[in-house]
Amino acid sequence: DQDDVILVPLSTAKKKVLGVSQANARSVGSISIKVRAGEDMTDAEAQIRELLRQRHRLQPYQDDDFWLRNLSEVLQTQEESSKVMTYLLAAIASVSLLVGGIGIMNIMLVSVTERTREIGLRMAVGARARDILTQFLVEAVTLSLIGGVIGILLGVGGSNAISALAEWRTVLAPSAIVLAFGFSAAIGIFFGFYPARKASRLDPIEALRYE
């Protein structure tokens, strides 16, 4: 194997590689310590703090002249921040779904009103109430799915743009796309049911007379 590792004194490496001055060549600015698997990070932090206080000859009444950063606490803080952001985005998404669903319901109600005579004619030639209900539900779900597809395309495009501009690695989970389609269909069914039910309960004679 190629021997590509050399060992040099710390002071030499800091002067030659990092360009540190002679006065600060022997000082250590930071130390990274890895705790063995299964060990308690809090206990290890307490032991390290006690050892450093002894080496720095600090009295019990004196404050630390160093600081320790426990990565487990950093990760916990990041996870809490991530949860808050997740809840915030979920709230925004919920409001967006509600607004979109109400929009679909209004569109379908207008469609039922404008197509009242068509509905009456279909019933007159034998269409059952459930046929009308199914027709308008399918139309509502189709509208919702079209909106879902547009949203997914915008999301994927935005994710790729952020990844390219900010050089952040983004991951698109297939399950998220499936979930988005599922929510779109559910919104279409939920908010499209009332207009579809209203259309299916029209009286054929009154519908044919509607102007």
N, C-alpha and C. Protein backbone atom coordinates (compact mmCIF):
# COMPACT_ATOMS: atom_id res chain seq x y z
N ASP A 1 0.83 -1.20 0.00
CA ASP A 1 0.00 0.00 0.00
C ASP A 1 0.87 1.26 0.00
N GLN A 2 0.35 2.30 -0.62
CA GLN A 2 1.09 3.55 -0.66
C GLN A 2 1.14 4.19 0.72
N ASP A 3 2.33 4.57 1.14
CA ASP A 3 2.50 5.21 2.45
C ASP A 3 2.31 6.72 2.26
N ASP A 4 1.11 7.21 2.57
CA ASP A 4 0.81 8.62 2.34
C ASP A 4 0.48 9.36 3.64
N VAL A 5 0.99 8.86 4.75
CA VAL A 5 0.73 9.48 6.04
C VAL A 5 2.05 9.80 6.71
N ILE A 6 2.19 11.02 7.22
CA ILE A 6 3.38 11.41 7.98
C ILE A 6 2.94 11.98 9.32
N LEU A 7 3.78 11.86 10.31
CA LEU A 7 3.52 12.40 11.64
C LEU A 7 4.52 13.50 11.92
N VAL A 8 4.01 14.67 12.30
CA VAL A 8 4.87 15.81 12.63
C VAL A 8 4.40 16.40 13.95
N PRO A 9 5.26 17.11 14.65
CA PRO A 9 4.83 17.78 15.88
C PRO A 9 3.71 18.78 15.60
N LEU A 10 2.81 18.93 16.57
CA LEU A 10 1.68 19.83 16.40
C LEU A 10 2.13 21.26 16.11
N SER A 11 3.15 21.72 16.84
CA SER A 11 3.62 23.09 16.63
C SER A 11 4.15 23.29 15.22
N THR A 12 4.86 22.29 14.70
CA THR A 12 5.39 22.38 13.33
C THR A 12 4.27 22.42 12.31
N ALA A 13 3.27 21.55 12.49
CA ALA A 13 2.15 21.52 11.56
C ALA A 13 1.39 22.85 11.56
N LYS A 14 1.21 23.44 12.73
CA LYS A 14 0.47 24.70 12.81
C LYS A 14 1.24 25.84 12.15
N LYS A 15 2.57 25.81 12.29
CA LYS A 15 3.37 26.88 11.67
C LYS A 15 3.48 26.70 10.17
N LYS A 16 3.76 25.48 9.72
CA LYS A 16 4.02 25.24 8.30
C LYS A 16 2.74 25.13 7.47
N VAL A 17 1.71 24.51 8.04
CA VAL A 17 0.49 24.27 7.27
C VAL A 17 -0.54 25.38 7.48
N LEU A 18 -0.75 25.76 8.73
CA LEU A 18 -1.78 26.75 9.04
C LEU A 18 -1.25 28.17 9.11
N GLY A 19 0.07 28.34 9.11
CA GLY A 19 0.64 29.67 9.15
C GLY A 19 0.50 30.37 10.48
N VAL A 20 0.43 29.61 11.56
CA VAL A 20 0.29 30.19 12.89
C VAL A 20 1.64 30.73 13.34
N SER A 21 1.62 31.83 14.07
CA SER A 21 2.87 32.44 14.53
C SER A 21 3.56 31.56 15.56
N GLN A 22 4.84 31.85 15.77
CA GLN A 22 5.64 31.06 16.71
C GLN A 22 5.05 31.14 18.13
N ALA A 23 4.53 32.31 18.50
CA ALA A 23 4.01 32.49 19.86
C ALA A 23 2.79 31.61 20.13
N ASN A 24 1.98 31.38 19.10
CA ASN A 24 0.75 30.61 19.28
C ASN A 24 0.85 29.19 18.74
N ALA A 25 2.05 28.79 18.33
CA ALA A 25 2.21 27.49 17.69
C ALA A 25 1.91 26.33 18.63
N ARG A 26 2.17 26.51 19.91
CA ARG A 26 1.98 25.42 20.86
C ARG A 26 0.59 25.44 21.52
N SER A 27 -0.21 26.46 21.22
CA SER A 27 -1.55 26.53 21.82
C SER A 27 -2.53 25.66 21.02
N VAL A 28 -3.53 25.17 21.71
CA VAL A 28 -4.57 24.33 21.10
C VAL A 28 -5.89 25.07 21.20
N GLY A 29 -6.49 25.33 20.06
CA GLY A 29 -7.74 26.09 20.05
C GLY A 29 -8.97 25.24 20.29
N SER A 30 -8.94 24.00 19.83
CA SER A 30 -10.11 23.14 19.99
C SER A 30 -9.69 21.68 19.97
N ILE A 31 -10.48 20.87 20.61
CA ILE A 31 -10.26 19.43 20.66
C ILE A 31 -11.58 18.75 20.35
N SER A 32 -11.56 17.77 19.47
CA SER A 32 -12.75 16.98 19.16
C SER A 32 -12.62 15.62 19.84
N ILE A 33 -13.62 15.26 20.59
CA ILE A 33 -13.60 14.01 21.35
C ILE A 33 -14.80 13.17 20.95
N LYS A 34 -14.55 11.91 20.65
CA LYS A 34 -15.61 10.98 20.27
C LYS A 34 -15.84 10.00 21.41
N VAL A 35 -17.06 9.92 21.87
CA VAL A 35 -17.41 9.01 22.96
C VAL A 35 -17.73 7.64 22.38
N ARG A 36 -17.28 6.61 23.07
CA ARG A 36 -17.54 5.26 22.60
C ARG A 36 -19.04 4.96 22.59
N ALA A 37 -19.43 4.09 21.68
CA ALA A 37 -20.84 3.74 21.55
C ALA A 37 -21.37 3.16 22.85
N GLY A 38 -22.54 3.63 23.25
CA GLY A 38 -23.15 3.15 24.48
C GLY A 38 -22.83 3.98 25.70
N GLU A 39 -21.84 4.87 25.60
CA GLU A 39 -21.47 5.71 26.74
C GLU A 39 -22.39 6.93 26.83
N ASP A 40 -22.55 7.43 28.04
CA ASP A 40 -23.41 8.59 28.28
C ASP A 40 -22.65 9.87 27.95
N MET A 41 -23.21 10.65 27.03
CA MET A 41 -22.55 11.89 26.62
C MET A 41 -22.49 12.90 27.76
N THR A 42 -23.52 12.93 28.59
CA THR A 42 -23.55 13.89 29.70
C THR A 42 -22.45 13.59 30.71
N ASP A 43 -22.27 12.30 31.04
CA ASP A 43 -21.21 11.92 31.98
C ASP A 43 -19.84 12.24 31.40
N ALA A 44 -19.67 11.95 30.12
CA ALA A 44 -18.39 12.23 29.47
C ALA A 44 -18.10 13.73 29.47
N GLU A 45 -19.12 14.54 29.23
CA GLU A 45 -18.94 16.00 29.25
C GLU A 45 -18.52 16.48 30.63
N ALA A 46 -19.14 15.93 31.68
CA ALA A 46 -18.79 16.33 33.05
C ALA A 46 -17.35 15.95 33.39
N GLN A 47 -16.92 14.77 32.95
CA GLN A 47 -15.54 14.34 33.21
C GLN A 47 -14.54 15.22 32.46
N ILE A 48 -14.85 15.55 31.23
CA ILE A 48 -13.96 16.41 30.43
C ILE A 48 -13.86 17.79 31.06
N ARG A 49 -14.99 18.32 31.51
CA ARG A 49 -14.99 19.64 32.15
C ARG A 49 -14.13 19.63 33.41
N GLU A 50 -14.27 18.59 34.23
CA GLU A 50 -13.49 18.50 35.46
C GLU A 50 -12.00 18.39 35.16
N LEU A 51 -11.64 17.59 34.14
CA LEU A 51 -10.23 17.43 33.78
C LEU A 51 -9.64 18.75 33.29
N LEU A 52 -10.37 19.48 32.45
CA LEU A 52 -9.87 20.75 31.94
C LEU A 52 -9.73 21.79 33.05
N ARG A 53 -10.64 21.79 33.98
CA ARG A 53 -10.53 22.73 35.10
C ARG A 53 -9.29 22.43 35.94
N GLN A 54 -8.99 21.13 36.11
CA GLN A 54 -7.78 20.76 36.85
C GLN A 54 -6.53 21.18 36.09
N ARG A 55 -6.51 20.93 34.78
CA ARG A 55 -5.33 21.28 33.98
C ARG A 55 -5.14 22.80 33.90
N HIS A 56 -6.22 23.54 33.91
CA HIS A 56 -6.13 25.00 33.85
C HIS A 56 -5.98 25.63 35.24
N ARG A 57 -5.95 24.77 36.26
CA ARG A 57 -5.76 25.21 37.65
C ARG A 57 -6.82 26.24 38.07
N LEU A 58 -8.05 25.93 37.76
CA LEU A 58 -9.15 26.82 38.12
C LEU A 58 -9.67 26.47 39.50
N GLN A 59 -9.95 27.50 40.29
CA GLN A 59 -10.50 27.31 41.62
C GLN A 59 -12.02 27.08 41.52
N PRO A 60 -12.63 26.46 42.55
CA PRO A 60 -14.07 26.18 42.49
C PRO A 60 -14.92 27.42 42.25
N TYR A 61 -14.47 28.58 42.73
CA TYR A 61 -15.26 29.80 42.57
C TYR A 61 -15.03 30.48 41.22
N GLN A 62 -14.09 29.99 40.43
CA GLN A 62 -13.78 30.60 39.13
C GLN A 62 -14.62 29.96 38.02
N ASP A 63 -14.98 30.80 37.05
CA ASP A 63 -15.72 30.29 35.89
C ASP A 63 -14.78 29.58 34.93
N ASP A 64 -15.34 28.77 34.07
CA ASP A 64 -14.54 28.09 33.06
C ASP A 64 -13.92 29.11 32.11
N ASP A 65 -12.67 28.89 31.74
CA ASP A 65 -12.04 29.73 30.72
C ASP A 65 -12.03 29.00 29.38
N PHE A 66 -12.95 28.09 29.23
CA PHE A 66 -13.12 27.31 27.99
C PHE A 66 -14.62 27.03 27.86
N TRP A 67 -15.00 26.49 26.73
CA TRP A 67 -16.41 26.10 26.56
C TRP A 67 -16.49 24.76 25.86
N LEU A 68 -17.52 24.00 26.24
CA LEU A 68 -17.75 22.68 25.67
C LEU A 68 -19.05 22.70 24.87
N ARG A 69 -19.02 22.00 23.77
CA ARG A 69 -20.22 21.89 22.94
C ARG A 69 -20.56 20.42 22.76
N ASN A 70 -21.67 20.02 23.33
CA ASN A 70 -22.13 18.64 23.23
C ASN A 70 -22.98 18.51 21.96
N LEU A 71 -22.50 17.71 21.02
CA LEU A 71 -23.20 17.60 19.74
C LEU A 71 -24.58 16.98 19.89
N SER A 72 -24.76 16.16 20.93
CA SER A 72 -26.09 15.58 21.13
C SER A 72 -27.10 16.68 21.46
N GLU A 73 -26.66 17.70 22.23
CA GLU A 73 -27.54 18.82 22.53
C GLU A 73 -27.79 19.67 21.28
N VAL A 74 -26.75 19.81 20.46
CA VAL A 74 -26.91 20.55 19.20
C VAL A 74 -27.92 19.85 18.30
N LEU A 75 -27.79 18.52 18.21
CA LEU A 75 -28.72 17.75 17.39
C LEU A 75 -30.14 17.84 17.93
N GLN A 76 -30.27 17.81 19.26
CA GLN A 76 -31.59 17.93 19.86
C GLN A 76 -32.22 19.28 19.54
N THR A 77 -31.41 20.34 19.60
CA THR A 77 -31.91 21.67 19.26
C THR A 77 -32.34 21.73 17.80
N GLN A 78 -31.53 21.13 16.92
CA GLN A 78 -31.88 21.11 15.50
C GLN A 78 -33.16 20.33 15.26
N GLU A 79 -33.33 19.21 15.98
CA GLU A 79 -34.55 18.42 15.82
C GLU A 79 -35.77 19.20 16.28
N GLU A 80 -35.63 19.94 17.39
CA GLU A 80 -36.75 20.74 17.87
C GLU A 80 -37.10 21.85 16.87
N SER A 81 -36.06 22.47 16.32
CA SER A 81 -36.31 23.50 15.30
C SER A 81 -36.97 22.91 14.07
N SER A 82 -36.53 21.70 13.71
CA SER A 82 -37.12 21.02 12.55
C SER A 82 -38.59 20.69 12.80
N LYS A 83 -38.91 20.29 14.04
CA LYS A 83 -40.31 19.99 14.36
C LYS A 83 -41.17 21.24 14.26
N VAL A 84 -40.66 22.35 14.78
CA VAL A 84 -41.41 23.61 14.70
C VAL A 84 -41.65 24.00 13.25
N MET A 85 -40.61 23.86 12.42
CA MET A 85 -40.75 24.19 11.00
C MET A 85 -41.74 23.25 10.32
N THR A 86 -41.71 21.96 10.71
CA THR A 86 -42.64 20.99 10.15
C THR A 86 -44.08 21.36 10.49
N TYR A 87 -44.31 21.72 11.76
CA TYR A 87 -45.66 22.11 12.18
C TYR A 87 -46.12 23.37 11.44
N LEU A 88 -45.20 24.31 11.26
CA LEU A 88 -45.54 25.55 10.57
C LEU A 88 -45.91 25.27 9.11
N LEU A 89 -45.10 24.44 8.44
CA LEU A 89 -45.40 24.10 7.05
C LEU A 89 -46.69 23.31 6.94
N ALA A 90 -46.95 22.43 7.93
CA ALA A 90 -48.19 21.66 7.93
C ALA A 90 -49.40 22.59 8.07
N ALA A 91 -49.27 23.62 8.92
CA ALA A 91 -50.36 24.57 9.08
C ALA A 91 -50.60 25.35 7.78
N ILE A 92 -49.51 25.77 7.14
CA ILE A 92 -49.65 26.49 5.86
C ILE A 92 -50.29 25.59 4.81
N ALA A 93 -49.84 24.32 4.77
CA ALA A 93 -50.40 23.38 3.79
C ALA A 93 -51.88 23.13 4.07
N SER A 94 -52.26 23.05 5.35
CA SER A 94 -53.67 22.82 5.69
C SER A 94 -54.54 23.98 5.22
N VAL A 95 -54.06 25.20 5.45
CA VAL A 95 -54.81 26.37 5.00
C VAL A 95 -54.92 26.37 3.47
N SER A 96 -53.83 26.01 2.80
CA SER A 96 -53.85 25.97 1.33
C SER A 96 -54.84 24.92 0.83
N LEU A 97 -54.86 23.74 1.49
CA LEU A 97 -55.80 22.70 1.09
C LEU A 97 -57.24 23.15 1.32
N LEU A 98 -57.47 23.83 2.44
CA LEU A 98 -58.83 24.31 2.74
C LEU A 98 -59.29 25.32 1.70
N VAL A 99 -58.41 26.26 1.37
CA VAL A 99 -58.76 27.27 0.36
C VAL A 99 -58.99 26.62 -1.00
N GLY A 100 -58.10 25.68 -1.35
CA GLY A 100 -58.27 24.99 -2.63
C GLY A 100 -59.54 24.17 -2.68
N GLY A 101 -59.86 23.50 -1.56
CA GLY A 101 -61.09 22.71 -1.52
C GLY A 101 -62.34 23.57 -1.64
N ILE A 102 -62.34 24.71 -0.96
CA ILE A 102 -63.48 25.62 -1.07
C ILE A 102 -63.61 26.14 -2.50
N GLY A 103 -62.46 26.39 -3.14
CA GLY A 103 -62.49 26.83 -4.54
C GLY A 103 -63.10 25.77 -5.44
N ILE A 104 -62.73 24.50 -5.22
CA ILE A 104 -63.30 23.41 -6.02
C ILE A 104 -64.81 23.32 -5.79
N MET A 105 -65.23 23.44 -4.54
CA MET A 105 -66.66 23.35 -4.23
C MET A 105 -67.43 24.48 -4.93
N ASN A 106 -66.89 25.68 -4.91
CA ASN A 106 -67.57 26.80 -5.56
C ASN A 106 -67.66 26.59 -7.07
N ILE A 107 -66.57 26.10 -7.66
CA ILE A 107 -66.57 25.84 -9.10
C ILE A 107 -67.64 24.80 -9.45
N MET A 108 -67.71 23.74 -8.64
CA MET A 108 -68.68 22.69 -8.93
C MET A 108 -70.11 23.17 -8.71
N LEU A 109 -70.33 24.03 -7.72
CA LEU A 109 -71.68 24.58 -7.51
C LEU A 109 -72.11 25.44 -8.70
N VAL A 110 -71.18 26.23 -9.21
CA VAL A 110 -71.48 27.03 -10.41
C VAL A 110 -71.76 26.11 -11.60
N SER A 111 -70.96 25.03 -11.70
CA SER A 111 -71.16 24.09 -12.80
C SER A 111 -72.53 23.43 -12.71
N VAL A 112 -72.95 23.06 -11.51
CA VAL A 112 -74.28 22.45 -11.34
C VAL A 112 -75.37 23.43 -11.76
N THR A 113 -75.22 24.69 -11.36
CA THR A 113 -76.22 25.70 -11.71
C THR A 113 -76.29 25.90 -13.22
N GLU A 114 -75.13 25.99 -13.87
CA GLU A 114 -75.10 26.24 -15.31
C GLU A 114 -75.57 25.02 -16.11
N ARG A 115 -75.46 23.85 -15.55
CA ARG A 115 -75.80 22.62 -16.28
C ARG A 115 -77.08 21.98 -15.75
N THR A 116 -77.92 22.79 -15.15
CA THR A 116 -79.15 22.25 -14.57
C THR A 116 -80.02 21.57 -15.63
N ARG A 117 -80.19 22.20 -16.77
CA ARG A 117 -81.01 21.60 -17.83
C ARG A 117 -80.37 20.33 -18.36
N GLU A 118 -79.05 20.32 -18.47
CA GLU A 118 -78.35 19.10 -18.91
C GLU A 118 -78.61 17.96 -17.93
N ILE A 119 -78.56 18.28 -16.63
CA ILE A 119 -78.82 17.25 -15.62
C ILE A 119 -80.25 16.74 -15.74
N GLY A 120 -81.20 17.67 -15.91
CA GLY A 120 -82.59 17.26 -16.07
C GLY A 120 -82.79 16.39 -17.30
N LEU A 121 -82.12 16.72 -18.40
CA LEU A 121 -82.22 15.93 -19.62
C LEU A 121 -81.66 14.53 -19.42
N ARG A 122 -80.52 14.43 -18.75
CA ARG A 122 -79.92 13.12 -18.48
C ARG A 122 -80.85 12.26 -17.62
N MET A 123 -81.46 12.89 -16.62
CA MET A 123 -82.39 12.14 -15.78
C MET A 123 -83.62 11.71 -16.56
N ALA A 124 -84.05 12.58 -17.49
CA ALA A 124 -85.24 12.26 -18.28
C ALA A 124 -85.02 11.07 -19.19
N VAL A 125 -83.79 10.86 -19.64
CA VAL A 125 -83.51 9.74 -20.54
C VAL A 125 -83.00 8.51 -19.78
N GLY A 126 -83.10 8.54 -18.45
CA GLY A 126 -82.80 7.32 -17.70
C GLY A 126 -81.63 7.37 -16.74
N ALA A 127 -80.91 8.47 -16.65
CA ALA A 127 -79.77 8.54 -15.71
C ALA A 127 -80.29 8.53 -14.28
N ARG A 128 -79.67 7.70 -13.45
CA ARG A 128 -80.07 7.62 -12.05
C ARG A 128 -79.35 8.69 -11.22
N ALA A 129 -79.85 8.89 -10.01
CA ALA A 129 -79.26 9.91 -9.13
C ALA A 129 -77.80 9.60 -8.84
N ARG A 130 -77.49 8.31 -8.64
CA ARG A 130 -76.09 7.97 -8.34
C ARG A 130 -75.19 8.16 -9.55
N ASP A 131 -75.76 8.07 -10.77
CA ASP A 131 -74.96 8.35 -11.97
C ASP A 131 -74.56 9.83 -12.01
N ILE A 132 -75.51 10.70 -11.68
CA ILE A 132 -75.21 12.13 -11.63
C ILE A 132 -74.21 12.42 -10.52
N LEU A 133 -74.42 11.77 -9.36
CA LEU A 133 -73.50 11.95 -8.24
C LEU A 133 -72.08 11.54 -8.62
N THR A 134 -71.96 10.38 -9.26
CA THR A 134 -70.64 9.89 -9.67
C THR A 134 -69.99 10.82 -10.69
N GLN A 135 -70.78 11.31 -11.64
CA GLN A 135 -70.25 12.20 -12.67
C GLN A 135 -69.61 13.45 -12.06
N PHE A 136 -70.32 14.09 -11.16
CA PHE A 136 -69.79 15.33 -10.59
C PHE A 136 -68.67 15.07 -9.59
N LEU A 137 -68.70 13.93 -8.91
CA LEU A 137 -67.59 13.58 -8.04
C LEU A 137 -66.32 13.36 -8.85
N VAL A 138 -66.46 12.66 -9.98
CA VAL A 138 -65.29 12.42 -10.84
C VAL A 138 -64.73 13.74 -11.35
N GLU A 139 -65.61 14.66 -11.73
CA GLU A 139 -65.15 15.96 -12.20
C GLU A 139 -64.42 16.72 -11.09
N ALA A 140 -64.94 16.66 -9.87
CA ALA A 140 -64.30 17.35 -8.75
C ALA A 140 -62.93 16.75 -8.45
N VAL A 141 -62.86 15.41 -8.45
CA VAL A 141 -61.57 14.74 -8.19
C VAL A 141 -60.58 15.05 -9.30
N THR A 142 -61.07 15.11 -10.54
CA THR A 142 -60.18 15.43 -11.67
C THR A 142 -59.59 16.83 -11.52
N LEU A 143 -60.43 17.79 -11.15
CA LEU A 143 -59.93 19.15 -10.92
C LEU A 143 -58.88 19.16 -9.81
N SER A 144 -59.17 18.43 -8.74
CA SER A 144 -58.25 18.39 -7.61
C SER A 144 -56.93 17.74 -8.00
N LEU A 145 -56.99 16.65 -8.77
CA LEU A 145 -55.76 15.96 -9.19
C LEU A 145 -54.93 16.83 -10.14
N ILE A 146 -55.60 17.57 -11.00
CA ILE A 146 -54.87 18.49 -11.89
C ILE A 146 -54.11 19.52 -11.06
N GLY A 147 -54.79 20.06 -10.04
CA GLY A 147 -54.10 20.98 -9.14
C GLY A 147 -52.95 20.32 -8.41
N GLY A 148 -53.15 19.04 -8.01
CA GLY A 148 -52.08 18.31 -7.34
C GLY A 148 -50.87 18.11 -8.24
N VAL A 149 -51.12 17.77 -9.51
CA VAL A 149 -50.02 17.58 -10.46
C VAL A 149 -49.24 18.88 -10.65
N ILE A 150 -49.97 19.99 -10.80
CA ILE A 150 -49.30 21.28 -10.95
C ILE A 150 -48.47 21.61 -9.71
N GLY A 151 -49.04 21.34 -8.54
CA GLY A 151 -48.31 21.59 -7.30
C GLY A 151 -47.06 20.74 -7.18
N ILE A 152 -47.16 19.47 -7.56
CA ILE A 152 -45.99 18.58 -7.50
C ILE A 152 -44.90 19.05 -8.46
N LEU A 153 -45.30 19.43 -9.67
CA LEU A 153 -44.32 19.91 -10.64
C LEU A 153 -43.63 21.17 -10.14
N LEU A 154 -44.40 22.08 -9.55
CA LEU A 154 -43.80 23.30 -9.00
C LEU A 154 -42.88 22.97 -7.83
N GLY A 155 -43.29 22.01 -7.00
CA GLY A 155 -42.45 21.62 -5.87
C GLY A 155 -41.15 21.00 -6.31
N VAL A 156 -41.22 20.09 -7.30
CA VAL A 156 -39.99 19.46 -7.81
C VAL A 156 -39.09 20.50 -8.46
N GLY A 157 -39.69 21.39 -9.26
CA GLY A 157 -38.89 22.44 -9.90
C GLY A 157 -38.25 23.36 -8.88
N GLY A 158 -39.01 23.76 -7.86
CA GLY A 158 -38.45 24.61 -6.82
C GLY A 158 -37.34 23.92 -6.04
N SER A 159 -37.53 22.63 -5.76
CA SER A 159 -36.50 21.87 -5.05
C SER A 159 -35.21 21.79 -5.86
N ASN A 160 -35.35 21.53 -7.16
CA ASN A 160 -34.16 21.46 -8.02
C ASN A 160 -33.48 22.83 -8.14
N ALA A 161 -34.29 23.89 -8.20
CA ALA A 161 -33.71 25.23 -8.29
C ALA A 161 -32.94 25.59 -7.03
N ILE A 162 -33.51 25.27 -5.87
CA ILE A 162 -32.81 25.54 -4.60
C ILE A 162 -31.53 24.72 -4.52
N SER A 163 -31.61 23.46 -4.95
CA SER A 163 -30.43 22.60 -4.92
C SER A 163 -29.32 23.15 -5.81
N ALA A 164 -29.70 23.70 -6.97
CA ALA A 164 -28.69 24.21 -7.89
C ALA A 164 -28.13 25.56 -7.44
N LEU A 165 -28.99 26.44 -6.95
CA LEU A 165 -28.55 27.78 -6.59
C LEU A 165 -27.84 27.81 -5.24
N ALA A 166 -28.38 27.12 -4.26
CA ALA A 166 -27.80 27.14 -2.91
C ALA A 166 -26.83 26.00 -2.66
N GLU A 167 -26.72 25.09 -3.63
CA GLU A 167 -25.85 23.92 -3.50
C GLU A 167 -26.22 23.08 -2.28
N TRP A 168 -27.53 22.96 -2.05
CA TRP A 168 -28.04 22.09 -1.00
C TRP A 168 -28.51 20.80 -1.63
N ARG A 169 -28.27 19.72 -0.96
CA ARG A 169 -28.73 18.42 -1.46
C ARG A 169 -30.18 18.21 -1.05
N THR A 170 -31.04 18.03 -2.01
CA THR A 170 -32.46 17.80 -1.73
C THR A 170 -32.83 16.39 -2.14
N VAL A 171 -33.72 15.79 -1.36
CA VAL A 171 -34.17 14.42 -1.61
C VAL A 171 -35.68 14.43 -1.80
N LEU A 172 -36.12 13.87 -2.91
CA LEU A 172 -37.55 13.78 -3.20
C LEU A 172 -38.01 12.35 -2.97
N ALA A 173 -38.82 12.15 -1.96
CA ALA A 173 -39.29 10.80 -1.62
C ALA A 173 -40.50 10.45 -2.48
N PRO A 174 -40.48 9.28 -3.14
CA PRO A 174 -41.65 8.86 -3.93
C PRO A 174 -42.92 8.78 -3.09
N SER A 175 -42.76 8.42 -1.81
CA SER A 175 -43.94 8.33 -0.94
C SER A 175 -44.62 9.69 -0.79
N ALA A 176 -43.82 10.77 -0.84
CA ALA A 176 -44.40 12.11 -0.72
C ALA A 176 -45.29 12.42 -1.93
N ILE A 177 -44.87 11.98 -3.12
CA ILE A 177 -45.68 12.20 -4.32
C ILE A 177 -46.98 11.42 -4.23
N VAL A 178 -46.88 10.15 -3.80
CA VAL A 178 -48.09 9.33 -3.65
C VAL A 178 -49.03 9.95 -2.62
N LEU A 179 -48.46 10.43 -1.52
CA LEU A 179 -49.28 11.07 -0.48
C LEU A 179 -49.95 12.33 -1.01
N ALA A 180 -49.23 13.09 -1.82
CA ALA A 180 -49.81 14.31 -2.40
C ALA A 180 -50.99 13.98 -3.31
N PHE A 181 -50.84 12.92 -4.13
CA PHE A 181 -51.95 12.50 -4.98
C PHE A 181 -53.14 12.05 -4.13
N GLY A 182 -52.84 11.31 -3.06
CA GLY A 182 -53.91 10.85 -2.19
C GLY A 182 -54.67 11.99 -1.54
N PHE A 183 -53.93 12.99 -1.06
CA PHE A 183 -54.58 14.16 -0.46
C PHE A 183 -55.40 14.92 -1.50
N SER A 184 -54.88 15.03 -2.71
CA SER A 184 -55.61 15.73 -3.77
C SER A 184 -56.94 15.04 -4.05
N ALA A 185 -56.90 13.70 -4.15
CA ALA A 185 -58.13 12.95 -4.40
C ALA A 185 -59.11 13.10 -3.24
N ALA A 186 -58.58 13.04 -2.02
CA ALA A 186 -59.45 13.17 -0.84
C ALA A 186 -60.11 14.54 -0.77
N ILE A 187 -59.34 15.58 -1.09
CA ILE A 187 -59.91 16.93 -1.10
C ILE A 187 -61.01 17.05 -2.14
N GLY A 188 -60.77 16.45 -3.32
CA GLY A 188 -61.78 16.50 -4.38
C GLY A 188 -63.06 15.80 -3.96
N ILE A 189 -62.93 14.64 -3.31
CA ILE A 189 -64.12 13.89 -2.87
C ILE A 189 -64.86 14.64 -1.77
N PHE A 190 -64.10 15.16 -0.80
CA PHE A 190 -64.72 15.81 0.36
C PHE A 190 -65.47 17.08 -0.04
N PHE A 191 -64.79 17.94 -0.79
CA PHE A 191 -65.40 19.22 -1.14
C PHE A 191 -66.29 19.12 -2.37
N GLY A 192 -66.18 18.03 -3.13
CA GLY A 192 -67.03 17.88 -4.29
C GLY A 192 -68.31 17.11 -4.01
N PHE A 193 -68.40 16.53 -2.80
CA PHE A 193 -69.58 15.71 -2.50
C PHE A 193 -70.85 16.55 -2.42
N TYR A 194 -70.77 17.70 -1.76
CA TYR A 194 -71.98 18.52 -1.61
C TYR A 194 -72.54 18.98 -2.96
N PRO A 195 -71.72 19.55 -3.87
CA PRO A 195 -72.27 19.91 -5.18
C PRO A 195 -72.80 18.69 -5.95
N ALA A 196 -72.09 17.56 -5.86
CA ALA A 196 -72.54 16.36 -6.56
C ALA A 196 -73.87 15.86 -5.99
N ARG A 197 -74.00 15.90 -4.68
CA ARG A 197 -75.25 15.47 -4.04
C ARG A 197 -76.39 16.41 -4.42
N LYS A 198 -76.08 17.70 -4.47
CA LYS A 198 -77.10 18.68 -4.87
C LYS A 198 -77.57 18.42 -6.29
N ALA A 199 -76.63 18.10 -7.18
CA ALA A 199 -76.99 17.82 -8.58
C ALA A 199 -77.82 16.55 -8.68
N SER A 200 -77.49 15.54 -7.88
CA SER A 200 -78.20 14.26 -7.98
C SER A 200 -79.62 14.35 -7.42
N ARG A 201 -79.92 15.37 -6.63
CA ARG A 201 -81.24 15.50 -6.02
C ARG A 201 -82.14 16.49 -6.76
N LEU A 202 -81.69 16.97 -7.90
CA LEU A 202 -82.53 17.88 -8.68
C LEU A 202 -83.75 17.15 -9.21
N ASP A 203 -84.86 17.86 -9.25
CA ASP A 203 -86.08 17.29 -9.84
C ASP A 203 -85.98 17.42 -11.36
N PRO A 204 -86.11 16.32 -12.10
CA PRO A 204 -85.93 16.38 -13.57
C PRO A 204 -86.84 17.40 -14.25
N ILE A 205 -88.11 17.47 -13.82
CA ILE A 205 -89.05 18.39 -14.46
C ILE A 205 -88.64 19.84 -14.20
N GLU A 206 -88.31 20.14 -12.94
CA GLU A 206 -87.88 21.50 -12.60
C GLU A 206 -86.56 21.85 -13.29
N ALA A 207 -85.68 20.85 -13.41
CA ALA A 207 -84.39 21.09 -14.06
C ALA A 207 -84.57 21.42 -15.53
N LEU A 208 -85.51 20.73 -16.21
CA LEU A 208 -85.75 20.99 -17.63
C LEU A 208 -86.39 22.36 -17.84
N ARG A 209 -87.11 22.86 -16.86
CA ARG A 209 -87.75 24.17 -16.98
C ARG A 209 -86.80 25.31 -16.61
N TYR A 210 -85.62 24.96 -16.05
CA TYR A 210 -84.71 26.00 -15.55
C TYR A 210 -84.17 26.83 -16.70
N GLU A 211 -84.16 28.13 -16.52
CA GLU A 211 -83.62 29.05 -17.54
C GLU A 211 -82.37 29.70 -17.01
